[in-house]
Amino acid sequence: MTDRIDLGLTDSEASCACCSTGSAAASTPAVDAAVTDEILVTGMTCSHCVASVTEELTAIDGVQSVAVDLNVGGTSRVTIHSARPIDAAAVQAAVEEAGYALAGDPV
């Protein structure tokens, strides 16, 4: 068995709700609920396609992240995470600017 050595490190996240002693609700500030939307996009065939759609969608004000489930040559599912609801016309314009089309209504 080895002796423990104190490195003098401190946990900068020690005040988070999961580590604090006491009520998590009292120590956790209110956070705005995030919005997740899924759209279907046709025409994407490769990682360059994914990058183009991702770049255009993340340029929309309020979009925090974009994830693409690529279905080569078929309909790909695109998940958009945002701080607030995003205008459907802005999403459609971004997808079209990237060179692709929406498939039907948002999921």
PDB file of N, CA and C in Angstrom:
ATOM      1  N   MET A   1       0.843  -1.175   0.000  1.00  0.00           N
ATOM      2  CA  MET A   1       0.000   0.000   0.000  1.00  0.00           C
ATOM      3  C   MET A   1       0.888   1.238   0.000  1.00  0.00           C
ATOM      4  N   THR A   2       0.507   2.230  -0.793  1.00  0.00           N
ATOM      5  CA  THR A   2       1.293   3.455  -0.868  1.00  0.00           C
ATOM      6  C   THR A   2       0.668   4.541  -0.012  1.00  0.00           C
ATOM      7  N   ASP A   3       1.493   5.434   0.440  1.00  0.00           N
ATOM      8  CA  ASP A   3       0.998   6.573   1.213  1.00  0.00           C
ATOM      9  C   ASP A   3       0.379   7.588   0.269  1.00  0.00           C
ATOM     10  N   ARG A   4      -0.631   8.253   0.731  1.00  0.00           N
ATOM     11  CA  ARG A   4      -1.274   9.306  -0.068  1.00  0.00           C
ATOM     12  C   ARG A   4      -0.472  10.578   0.048  1.00  0.00           C
ATOM     13  N   ILE A   5      -0.335  11.271  -1.043  1.00  0.00           N
ATOM     14  CA  ILE A   5       0.392  12.527  -1.066  1.00  0.00           C
ATOM     15  C   ILE A   5      -0.601  13.635  -1.370  1.00  0.00           C
ATOM     16  N   ASP A   6      -0.663  14.627  -0.502  1.00  0.00           N
ATOM     17  CA  ASP A   6      -1.536  15.769  -0.718  1.00  0.00           C
ATOM     18  C   ASP A   6      -0.846  16.709  -1.693  1.00  0.00           C
ATOM     19  N   LEU A   7      -1.459  16.901  -2.864  1.00  0.00           N
ATOM     20  CA  LEU A   7      -0.886  17.773  -3.875  1.00  0.00           C
ATOM     21  C   LEU A   7      -1.318  19.221  -3.713  1.00  0.00           C
ATOM     22  N   GLY A   8      -2.201  19.484  -2.780  1.00  0.00           N
ATOM     23  CA  GLY A   8      -2.654  20.846  -2.543  1.00  0.00           C
ATOM     24  C   GLY A   8      -3.603  21.359  -3.610  1.00  0.00           C
ATOM     25  N   LEU A   9      -4.232  20.456  -4.348  1.00  0.00           N
ATOM     26  CA  LEU A   9      -5.164  20.853  -5.397  1.00  0.00           C
ATOM     27  C   LEU A   9      -6.536  21.096  -4.799  1.00  0.00           C
ATOM     28  N   THR A  10      -7.264  22.026  -5.397  1.00  0.00           N
ATOM     29  CA  THR A  10      -8.629  22.278  -4.948  1.00  0.00           C
ATOM     30  C   THR A  10      -9.578  22.112  -6.116  1.00  0.00           C
ATOM     31  N   ASP A  11     -10.788  21.745  -5.823  1.00  0.00           N
ATOM     32  CA  ASP A  11     -11.814  21.562  -6.836  1.00  0.00           C
ATOM     33  C   ASP A  11     -12.520  22.892  -7.056  1.00  0.00           C
ATOM     34  N   SER A  12     -12.295  23.501  -8.222  1.00  0.00           N
ATOM     35  CA  SER A  12     -12.903  24.794  -8.508  1.00  0.00           C
ATOM     36  C   SER A  12     -14.402  24.676  -8.729  1.00  0.00           C
ATOM     37  N   GLU A  13     -14.898  23.469  -8.951  1.00  0.00           N
ATOM     38  CA  GLU A  13     -16.326  23.242  -9.154  1.00  0.00           C
ATOM     39  C   GLU A  13     -16.998  22.718  -7.884  1.00  0.00           C
ATOM     40  N   ALA A  14     -16.340  22.820  -6.750  1.00  0.00           N
ATOM     41  CA  ALA A  14     -16.858  22.242  -5.512  1.00  0.00           C
ATOM     42  C   ALA A  14     -18.166  22.871  -5.077  1.00  0.00           C
ATOM     43  N   SER A  15     -18.480  24.043  -5.575  1.00  0.00           N
ATOM     44  CA  SER A  15     -19.716  24.689  -5.164  1.00  0.00           C
ATOM     45  C   SER A  15     -20.891  24.324  -6.064  1.00  0.00           C
ATOM     46  N   CYS A  16     -20.694  23.405  -7.010  1.00  0.00           N
ATOM     47  CA  CYS A  16     -21.797  23.019  -7.890  1.00  0.00           C
ATOM     48  C   CYS A  16     -22.850  22.245  -7.096  1.00  0.00           C
ATOM     49  N   ALA A  17     -24.037  22.163  -7.639  1.00  0.00           N
ATOM     50  CA  ALA A  17     -25.157  21.544  -6.940  1.00  0.00           C
ATOM     51  C   ALA A  17     -24.912  20.087  -6.593  1.00  0.00           C
ATOM     52  N   CYS A  18     -24.170  19.381  -7.439  1.00  0.00           N
ATOM     53  CA  CYS A  18     -23.974  17.950  -7.186  1.00  0.00           C
ATOM     54  C   CYS A  18     -22.966  17.705  -6.065  1.00  0.00           C
ATOM     55  N   CYS A  19     -22.126  18.663  -5.746  1.00  0.00           N
ATOM     56  CA  CYS A  19     -21.093  18.463  -4.735  1.00  0.00           C
ATOM     57  C   CYS A  19     -21.379  19.197  -3.428  1.00  0.00           C
ATOM     58  N   SER A  20     -22.303  20.103  -3.446  1.00  0.00           N
ATOM     59  CA  SER A  20     -22.521  20.921  -2.256  1.00  0.00           C
ATOM     60  C   SER A  20     -23.293  20.139  -1.207  1.00  0.00           C
ATOM     61  N   THR A  21     -23.101  20.542   0.022  1.00  0.00           N
ATOM     62  CA  THR A  21     -23.868  19.940   1.105  1.00  0.00           C
ATOM     63  C   THR A  21     -25.027  20.865   1.378  1.00  0.00           C
ATOM     64  N   GLY A  22     -26.188  20.384   1.419  1.00  0.00           N
ATOM     65  CA  GLY A  22     -27.345  21.245   1.592  1.00  0.00           C
ATOM     66  C   GLY A  22     -28.257  21.120   0.392  1.00  0.00           C
ATOM     67  N   SER A  23     -29.216  21.992   0.334  1.00  0.00           N
ATOM     68  CA  SER A  23     -30.225  21.906  -0.708  1.00  0.00           C
ATOM     69  C   SER A  23     -29.681  22.353  -2.046  1.00  0.00           C
ATOM     70  N   ALA A  24     -29.772  21.481  -3.029  1.00  0.00           N
ATOM     71  CA  ALA A  24     -29.317  21.821  -4.371  1.00  0.00           C
ATOM     72  C   ALA A  24     -30.189  22.911  -4.964  1.00  0.00           C
ATOM     73  N   ALA A  25     -31.469  22.885  -4.661  1.00  0.00           N
ATOM     74  CA  ALA A  25     -32.370  23.882  -5.220  1.00  0.00           C
ATOM     75  C   ALA A  25     -32.025  25.281  -4.712  1.00  0.00           C
ATOM     76  N   ALA A  26     -31.598  25.384  -3.476  1.00  0.00           N
ATOM     77  CA  ALA A  26     -31.273  26.683  -2.911  1.00  0.00           C
ATOM     78  C   ALA A  26     -29.971  27.230  -3.477  1.00  0.00           C
ATOM     79  N   SER A  27     -29.033  26.357  -3.861  1.00  0.00           N
ATOM     80  CA  SER A  27     -27.739  26.835  -4.316  1.00  0.00           C
ATOM     81  C   SER A  27     -27.600  26.878  -5.829  1.00  0.00           C
ATOM     82  N   THR A  28     -28.604  26.392  -6.564  1.00  0.00           N
ATOM     83  CA  THR A  28     -28.530  26.363  -8.015  1.00  0.00           C
ATOM     84  C   THR A  28     -29.339  27.505  -8.590  1.00  0.00           C
ATOM     85  N   PRO A  29     -28.684  28.406  -9.350  1.00  0.00           N
ATOM     86  CA  PRO A  29     -29.431  29.510  -9.944  1.00  0.00           C
ATOM     87  C   PRO A  29     -30.365  28.997 -11.041  1.00  0.00           C
ATOM     88  N   ALA A  30     -31.438  29.736 -11.278  1.00  0.00           N
ATOM     89  CA  ALA A  30     -32.368  29.363 -12.342  1.00  0.00           C
ATOM     90  C   ALA A  30     -31.675  29.504 -13.695  1.00  0.00           C
ATOM     91  N   VAL A  31     -31.898  28.534 -14.562  1.00  0.00           N
ATOM     92  CA  VAL A  31     -31.301  28.541 -15.888  1.00  0.00           C
ATOM     93  C   VAL A  31     -32.425  28.519 -16.911  1.00  0.00           C
ATOM     94  N   ASP A  32     -32.298  29.333 -17.962  1.00  0.00           N
ATOM     95  CA  ASP A  32     -33.294  29.314 -19.028  1.00  0.00           C
ATOM     96  C   ASP A  32     -33.313  27.938 -19.671  1.00  0.00           C
ATOM     97  N   ALA A  33     -34.500  27.456 -19.938  1.00  0.00           N
ATOM     98  CA  ALA A  33     -34.630  26.150 -20.580  1.00  0.00           C
ATOM     99  C   ALA A  33     -34.114  26.237 -22.009  1.00  0.00           C
ATOM    100  N   ALA A  34     -33.324  25.283 -22.396  1.00  0.00           N
ATOM    101  CA  ALA A  34     -32.812  25.227 -23.758  1.00  0.00           C
ATOM    102  C   ALA A  34     -33.883  24.624 -24.663  1.00  0.00           C
ATOM    103  N   VAL A  35     -33.797  24.960 -25.938  1.00  0.00           N
ATOM    104  CA  VAL A  35     -34.746  24.457 -26.926  1.00  0.00           C
ATOM    105  C   VAL A  35     -34.002  23.519 -27.863  1.00  0.00           C
ATOM    106  N   THR A  36     -34.604  22.380 -28.147  1.00  0.00           N
ATOM    107  CA  THR A  36     -34.031  21.428 -29.091  1.00  0.00           C
ATOM    108  C   THR A  36     -35.038  21.200 -30.205  1.00  0.00           C
ATOM    109  N   ASP A  37     -34.598  21.424 -31.437  1.00  0.00           N
ATOM    110  CA  ASP A  37     -35.436  21.182 -32.607  1.00  0.00           C
ATOM    111  C   ASP A  37     -34.732  20.183 -33.507  1.00  0.00           C
ATOM    112  N   GLU A  38     -35.507  19.361 -34.172  1.00  0.00           N
ATOM    113  CA  GLU A  38     -34.954  18.440 -35.154  1.00  0.00           C
ATOM    114  C   GLU A  38     -35.575  18.733 -36.506  1.00  0.00           C
ATOM    115  N   ILE A  39     -34.723  18.756 -37.529  1.00  0.00           N
ATOM    116  CA  ILE A  39     -35.184  18.953 -38.894  1.00  0.00           C
ATOM    117  C   ILE A  39     -34.637  17.819 -39.748  1.00  0.00           C
ATOM    118  N   LEU A  40     -35.256  17.603 -40.881  1.00  0.00           N
ATOM    119  CA  LEU A  40     -34.786  16.599 -41.825  1.00  0.00           C
ATOM    120  C   LEU A  40     -34.258  17.323 -43.051  1.00  0.00           C
ATOM    121  N   VAL A  41     -33.056  16.938 -43.489  1.00  0.00           N
ATOM    122  CA  VAL A  41     -32.391  17.594 -44.610  1.00  0.00           C
ATOM    123  C   VAL A  41     -32.035  16.545 -45.660  1.00  0.00           C
ATOM    124  N   THR A  42     -32.308  16.862 -46.915  1.00  0.00           N
ATOM    125  CA  THR A  42     -31.984  15.943 -48.000  1.00  0.00           C
ATOM    126  C   THR A  42     -30.769  16.437 -48.772  1.00  0.00           C
ATOM    127  N   GLY A  43     -30.052  15.487 -49.377  1.00  0.00           N
ATOM    128  CA  GLY A  43     -28.966  15.820 -50.281  1.00  0.00           C
ATOM    129  C   GLY A  43     -27.569  15.749 -49.710  1.00  0.00           C
ATOM    130  N   MET A  44     -27.424  15.559 -48.421  1.00  0.00           N
ATOM    131  CA  MET A  44     -26.082  15.501 -47.836  1.00  0.00           C
ATOM    132  C   MET A  44     -25.474  14.122 -48.077  1.00  0.00           C
ATOM    133  N   THR A  45     -24.177  14.102 -48.461  1.00  0.00           N
ATOM    134  CA  THR A  45     -23.527  12.829 -48.769  1.00  0.00           C
ATOM    135  C   THR A  45     -22.201  12.606 -48.061  1.00  0.00           C
ATOM    136  N   CYS A  46     -21.659  13.653 -47.400  1.00  0.00           N
ATOM    137  CA  CYS A  46     -20.324  13.503 -46.818  1.00  0.00           C
ATOM    138  C   CYS A  46     -20.120  14.471 -45.662  1.00  0.00           C
ATOM    139  N   SER A  47     -18.928  14.408 -45.069  1.00  0.00           N
ATOM    140  CA  SER A  47     -18.620  15.282 -43.933  1.00  0.00           C
ATOM    141  C   SER A  47     -18.555  16.750 -44.347  1.00  0.00           C
ATOM    142  N   HIS A  48     -18.204  17.030 -45.594  1.00  0.00           N
ATOM    143  CA  HIS A  48     -18.205  18.422 -46.066  1.00  0.00           C
ATOM    144  C   HIS A  48     -19.630  18.976 -46.077  1.00  0.00           C
ATOM    145  N   CYS A  49     -20.584  18.149 -46.482  1.00  0.00           N
ATOM    146  CA  CYS A  49     -21.994  18.541 -46.464  1.00  0.00           C
ATOM    147  C   CYS A  49     -22.431  18.865 -45.036  1.00  0.00           C
ATOM    148  N   VAL A  50     -22.053  17.988 -44.116  1.00  0.00           N
ATOM    149  CA  VAL A  50     -22.389  18.182 -42.706  1.00  0.00           C
ATOM    150  C   VAL A  50     -21.790  19.496 -42.196  1.00  0.00           C
ATOM    151  N   ALA A  51     -20.538  19.756 -42.547  1.00  0.00           N
ATOM    152  CA  ALA A  51     -19.870  20.979 -42.111  1.00  0.00           C
ATOM    153  C   ALA A  51     -20.554  22.219 -42.679  1.00  0.00           C
ATOM    154  N   SER A  52     -20.986  22.160 -43.926  1.00  0.00           N
ATOM    155  CA  SER A  52     -21.653  23.305 -44.552  1.00  0.00           C
ATOM    156  C   SER A  52     -22.970  23.630 -43.861  1.00  0.00           C
ATOM    157  N   VAL A  53     -23.786  22.607 -43.613  1.00  0.00           N
ATOM    158  CA  VAL A  53     -25.071  22.812 -42.944  1.00  0.00           C
ATOM    159  C   VAL A  53     -24.843  23.297 -41.519  1.00  0.00           C
ATOM    160  N   THR A  54     -23.892  22.683 -40.826  1.00  0.00           N
ATOM    161  CA  THR A  54     -23.591  23.077 -39.449  1.00  0.00           C
ATOM    162  C   THR A  54     -23.142  24.531 -39.380  1.00  0.00           C
ATOM    163  N   GLU A  55     -22.278  24.936 -40.288  1.00  0.00           N
ATOM    164  CA  GLU A  55     -21.777  26.316 -40.309  1.00  0.00           C
ATOM    165  C   GLU A  55     -22.911  27.319 -40.519  1.00  0.00           C
ATOM    166  N   GLU A  56     -23.784  27.047 -41.458  1.00  0.00           N
ATOM    167  CA  GLU A  56     -24.891  27.966 -41.740  1.00  0.00           C
ATOM    168  C   GLU A  56     -25.879  28.035 -40.577  1.00  0.00           C
ATOM    169  N   LEU A  57     -26.185  26.883 -39.979  1.00  0.00           N
ATOM    170  CA  LEU A  57     -27.149  26.879 -38.874  1.00  0.00           C
ATOM    171  C   LEU A  57     -26.583  27.542 -37.619  1.00  0.00           C
ATOM    172  N   THR A  58     -25.308  27.314 -37.320  1.00  0.00           N
ATOM    173  CA  THR A  58     -24.735  27.923 -36.118  1.00  0.00           C
ATOM    174  C   THR A  58     -24.564  29.424 -36.273  1.00  0.00           C
ATOM    175  N   ALA A  59     -24.656  29.939 -37.500  1.00  0.00           N
ATOM    176  CA  ALA A  59     -24.575  31.386 -37.718  1.00  0.00           C
ATOM    177  C   ALA A  59     -25.880  32.089 -37.332  1.00  0.00           C
ATOM    178  N   ILE A  60     -26.957  31.329 -37.140  1.00  0.00           N
ATOM    179  CA  ILE A  60     -28.230  31.914 -36.728  1.00  0.00           C
ATOM    180  C   ILE A  60     -28.113  32.349 -35.271  1.00  0.00           C
ATOM    181  N   ASP A  61     -28.527  33.572 -35.001  1.00  0.00           N
ATOM    182  CA  ASP A  61     -28.462  34.111 -33.637  1.00  0.00           C
ATOM    183  C   ASP A  61     -29.258  33.231 -32.679  1.00  0.00           C
ATOM    184  N   GLY A  62     -28.628  32.816 -31.603  1.00  0.00           N
ATOM    185  CA  GLY A  62     -29.280  31.995 -30.585  1.00  0.00           C
ATOM    186  C   GLY A  62     -28.963  30.513 -30.671  1.00  0.00           C
ATOM    187  N   VAL A  63     -28.464  30.051 -31.829  1.00  0.00           N
ATOM    188  CA  VAL A  63     -28.131  28.632 -31.959  1.00  0.00           C
ATOM    189  C   VAL A  63     -26.847  28.353 -31.191  1.00  0.00           C
ATOM    190  N   GLN A  64     -26.905  27.371 -30.300  1.00  0.00           N
ATOM    191  CA  GLN A  64     -25.762  27.021 -29.465  1.00  0.00           C
ATOM    192  C   GLN A  64     -24.952  25.876 -30.056  1.00  0.00           C
ATOM    193  N   SER A  65     -25.633  24.894 -30.639  1.00  0.00           N
ATOM    194  CA  SER A  65     -24.917  23.766 -31.250  1.00  0.00           C
ATOM    195  C   SER A  65     -25.818  23.061 -32.251  1.00  0.00           C
ATOM    196  N   VAL A  66     -25.167  22.322 -33.146  1.00  0.00           N
ATOM    197  CA  VAL A  66     -25.869  21.569 -34.177  1.00  0.00           C
ATOM    198  C   VAL A  66     -25.237  20.186 -34.246  1.00  0.00           C
ATOM    199  N   ALA A  67     -26.079  19.153 -34.310  1.00  0.00           N
ATOM    200  CA  ALA A  67     -25.595  17.778 -34.476  1.00  0.00           C
ATOM    201  C   ALA A  67     -26.304  17.175 -35.677  1.00  0.00           C
ATOM    202  N   VAL A  68     -25.537  16.483 -36.523  1.00  0.00           N
ATOM    203  CA  VAL A  68     -26.094  15.902 -37.739  1.00  0.00           C
ATOM    204  C   VAL A  68     -25.916  14.391 -37.706  1.00  0.00           C
ATOM    205  N   ASP A  69     -27.016  13.682 -37.929  1.00  0.00           N
ATOM    206  CA  ASP A  69     -26.994  12.228 -38.094  1.00  0.00           C
ATOM    207  C   ASP A  69     -27.079  11.996 -39.600  1.00  0.00           C
ATOM    208  N   LEU A  70     -25.906  11.864 -40.247  1.00  0.00           N
ATOM    209  CA  LEU A  70     -25.823  11.777 -41.701  1.00  0.00           C
ATOM    210  C   LEU A  70     -26.358  10.445 -42.213  1.00  0.00           C
ATOM    211  N   ASN A  71     -27.277  10.527 -43.161  1.00  0.00           N
ATOM    212  CA  ASN A  71     -27.791   9.370 -43.878  1.00  0.00           C
ATOM    213  C   ASN A  71     -27.410   9.604 -45.336  1.00  0.00           C
ATOM    214  N   VAL A  72     -26.278   9.048 -45.744  1.00  0.00           N
ATOM    215  CA  VAL A  72     -25.695   9.323 -47.055  1.00  0.00           C
ATOM    216  C   VAL A  72     -26.705   9.085 -48.174  1.00  0.00           C
ATOM    217  N   GLY A  73     -26.948  10.135 -48.947  1.00  0.00           N
ATOM    218  CA  GLY A  73     -27.850  10.040 -50.084  1.00  0.00           C
ATOM    219  C   GLY A  73     -29.323  10.001 -49.718  1.00  0.00           C
ATOM    220  N   GLY A  74     -29.632  10.025 -48.443  1.00  0.00           N
ATOM    221  CA  GLY A  74     -31.025   9.974 -47.998  1.00  0.00           C
ATOM    222  C   GLY A  74     -31.388  11.222 -47.213  1.00  0.00           C
ATOM    223  N   THR A  75     -32.234  11.037 -46.243  1.00  0.00           N
ATOM    224  CA  THR A  75     -32.679  12.140 -45.398  1.00  0.00           C
ATOM    225  C   THR A  75     -31.905  12.091 -44.089  1.00  0.00           C
ATOM    226  N   SER A  76     -31.200  13.167 -43.785  1.00  0.00           N
ATOM    227  CA  SER A  76     -30.386  13.240 -42.570  1.00  0.00           C
ATOM    228  C   SER A  76     -31.136  14.012 -41.491  1.00  0.00           C
ATOM    229  N   ARG A  77     -30.987  13.564 -40.255  1.00  0.00           N
ATOM    230  CA  ARG A  77     -31.616  14.233 -39.112  1.00  0.00           C
ATOM    231  C   ARG A  77     -30.618  15.245 -38.541  1.00  0.00           C
ATOM    232  N   VAL A  78     -31.083  16.487 -38.403  1.00  0.00           N
ATOM    233  CA  VAL A  78     -30.245  17.557 -37.873  1.00  0.00           C
ATOM    234  C   VAL A  78     -30.893  18.061 -36.591  1.00  0.00           C
ATOM    235  N   THR A  79     -30.133  18.040 -35.503  1.00  0.00           N
ATOM    236  CA  THR A  79     -30.633  18.502 -34.208  1.00  0.00           C
ATOM    237  C   THR A  79     -30.017  19.849 -33.900  1.00  0.00           C
ATOM    238  N   ILE A  80     -30.870  20.828 -33.611  1.00  0.00           N
ATOM    239  CA  ILE A  80     -30.439  22.191 -33.332  1.00  0.00           C
ATOM    240  C   ILE A  80     -30.747  22.507 -31.871  1.00  0.00           C
ATOM    241  N   HIS A  81     -29.710  22.877 -31.116  1.00  0.00           N
ATOM    242  CA  HIS A  81     -29.868  23.285 -29.719  1.00  0.00           C
ATOM    243  C   HIS A  81     -29.720  24.802 -29.675  1.00  0.00           C
ATOM    244  N   SER A  82     -30.700  25.454 -29.041  1.00  0.00           N
ATOM    245  CA  SER A  82     -30.665  26.911 -28.978  1.00  0.00           C
ATOM    246  C   SER A  82     -31.159  27.402 -27.630  1.00  0.00           C
ATOM    247  N   ALA A  83     -30.853  28.654 -27.353  1.00  0.00           N
ATOM    248  CA  ALA A  83     -31.270  29.262 -26.094  1.00  0.00           C
ATOM    249  C   ALA A  83     -32.752  29.599 -26.106  1.00  0.00           C
ATOM    250  N   ARG A  84     -33.291  29.791 -27.307  1.00  0.00           N
ATOM    251  CA  ARG A  84     -34.702  30.155 -27.457  1.00  0.00           C
ATOM    252  C   ARG A  84     -35.187  29.576 -28.786  1.00  0.00           C
ATOM    253  N   PRO A  85     -36.490  29.567 -29.012  1.00  0.00           N
ATOM    254  CA  PRO A  85     -36.989  29.055 -30.292  1.00  0.00           C
ATOM    255  C   PRO A  85     -36.379  29.826 -31.467  1.00  0.00           C
ATOM    256  N   ILE A  86     -36.052  29.101 -32.521  1.00  0.00           N
ATOM    257  CA  ILE A  86     -35.451  29.686 -33.717  1.00  0.00           C
ATOM    258  C   ILE A  86     -36.511  29.759 -34.810  1.00  0.00           C
ATOM    259  N   ASP A  87     -36.544  30.862 -35.532  1.00  0.00           N
ATOM    260  CA  ASP A  87     -37.499  31.076 -36.602  1.00  0.00           C
ATOM    261  C   ASP A  87     -37.321  30.024 -37.702  1.00  0.00           C
ATOM    262  N   ALA A  88     -38.411  29.356 -38.066  1.00  0.00           N
ATOM    263  CA  ALA A  88     -38.357  28.295 -39.074  1.00  0.00           C
ATOM    264  C   ALA A  88     -37.861  28.816 -40.416  1.00  0.00           C
ATOM    265  N   ALA A  89     -38.209  30.047 -40.769  1.00  0.00           N
ATOM    266  CA  ALA A  89     -37.757  30.619 -42.034  1.00  0.00           C
ATOM    267  C   ALA A  89     -36.243  30.809 -42.034  1.00  0.00           C
ATOM    268  N   ALA A  90     -35.678  31.172 -40.879  1.00  0.00           N
ATOM    269  CA  ALA A  90     -34.220  31.333 -40.778  1.00  0.00           C
ATOM    270  C   ALA A  90     -33.524  29.989 -40.927  1.00  0.00           C
ATOM    271  N   VAL A  91     -34.112  28.951 -40.360  1.00  0.00           N
ATOM    272  CA  VAL A  91     -33.541  27.603 -40.481  1.00  0.00           C
ATOM    273  C   VAL A  91     -33.578  27.158 -41.936  1.00  0.00           C
ATOM    274  N   GLN A  92     -34.717  27.342 -42.582  1.00  0.00           N
ATOM    275  CA  GLN A  92     -34.843  26.942 -43.981  1.00  0.00           C
ATOM    276  C   GLN A  92     -33.858  27.717 -44.851  1.00  0.00           C
ATOM    277  N   ALA A  93     -33.728  29.019 -44.624  1.00  0.00           N
ATOM    278  CA  ALA A  93     -32.807  29.833 -45.406  1.00  0.00           C
ATOM    279  C   ALA A  93     -31.364  29.371 -45.212  1.00  0.00           C
ATOM    280  N   ALA A  94     -31.002  29.009 -43.981  1.00  0.00           N
ATOM    281  CA  ALA A  94     -29.636  28.555 -43.699  1.00  0.00           C
ATOM    282  C   ALA A  94     -29.342  27.241 -44.406  1.00  0.00           C
ATOM    283  N   VAL A  95     -30.294  26.309 -44.375  1.00  0.00           N
ATOM    284  CA  VAL A  95     -30.108  25.017 -45.030  1.00  0.00           C
ATOM    285  C   VAL A  95     -29.979  25.212 -46.543  1.00  0.00           C
ATOM    286  N   GLU A  96     -30.819  26.075 -47.095  1.00  0.00           N
ATOM    287  CA  GLU A  96     -30.759  26.337 -48.531  1.00  0.00           C
ATOM    288  C   GLU A  96     -29.469  27.066 -48.908  1.00  0.00           C
ATOM    289  N   GLU A  97     -28.996  27.962 -48.055  1.00  0.00           N
ATOM    290  CA  GLU A  97     -27.733  28.664 -48.304  1.00  0.00           C
ATOM    291  C   GLU A  97     -26.574  27.674 -48.356  1.00  0.00           C
ATOM    292  N   ALA A  98     -26.676  26.619 -47.569  1.00  0.00           N
ATOM    293  CA  ALA A  98     -25.639  25.577 -47.576  1.00  0.00           C
ATOM    294  C   ALA A  98     -25.751  24.693 -48.812  1.00  0.00           C
ATOM    295  N   GLY A  99     -26.857  24.789 -49.540  1.00  0.00           N
ATOM    296  CA  GLY A  99     -27.012  24.017 -50.775  1.00  0.00           C
ATOM    297  C   GLY A  99     -27.886  22.792 -50.652  1.00  0.00           C
ATOM    298  N   TYR A 100     -28.713  22.722 -49.603  1.00  0.00           N
ATOM    299  CA  TYR A 100     -29.528  21.543 -49.359  1.00  0.00           C
ATOM    300  C   TYR A 100     -30.975  21.952 -49.153  1.00  0.00           C
ATOM    301  N   ALA A 101     -31.845  20.987 -48.926  1.00  0.00           N
ATOM    302  CA  ALA A 101     -33.278  21.273 -48.778  1.00  0.00           C
ATOM    303  C   ALA A 101     -33.842  20.570 -47.551  1.00  0.00           C
ATOM    304  N   LEU A 102     -34.834  21.208 -46.955  1.00  0.00           N
ATOM    305  CA  LEU A 102     -35.568  20.570 -45.868  1.00  0.00           C
ATOM    306  C   LEU A 102     -36.473  19.498 -46.462  1.00  0.00           C
ATOM    307  N   ALA A 103     -36.636  18.419 -45.749  1.00  0.00           N
ATOM    308  CA  ALA A 103     -37.531  17.328 -46.161  1.00  0.00           C
ATOM    309  C   ALA A 103     -38.741  17.351 -45.272  1.00  0.00           C
ATOM    310  N   GLY A 104     -39.826  17.897 -45.763  1.00  0.00           N
ATOM    311  CA  GLY A 104     -41.059  17.899 -44.984  1.00  0.00           C
ATOM    312  C   GLY A 104     -41.015  18.858 -43.819  1.00  0.00           C
ATOM    313  N   ASP A 105     -41.865  18.615 -42.858  1.00  0.00           N
ATOM    314  CA  ASP A 105     -41.984  19.470 -41.680  1.00  0.00           C
ATOM    315  C   ASP A 105     -40.943  19.102 -40.650  1.00  0.00           C
ATOM    316  N   PRO A 106     -40.569  20.082 -39.776  1.00  0.00           N
ATOM    317  CA  PRO A 106     -39.641  19.767 -38.686  1.00  0.00           C
ATOM    318  C   PRO A 106     -40.192  18.652 -37.820  1.00  0.00           C
ATOM    319  N   VAL A 107     -39.302  17.859 -37.264  1.00  0.00           N
ATOM    320  CA  VAL A 107     -39.684  16.711 -36.436  1.00  0.00           C
ATOM    321  C   VAL A 107     -40.088  17.198 -35.065  1.00  0.00           C
TER     322      VAL A 107
END
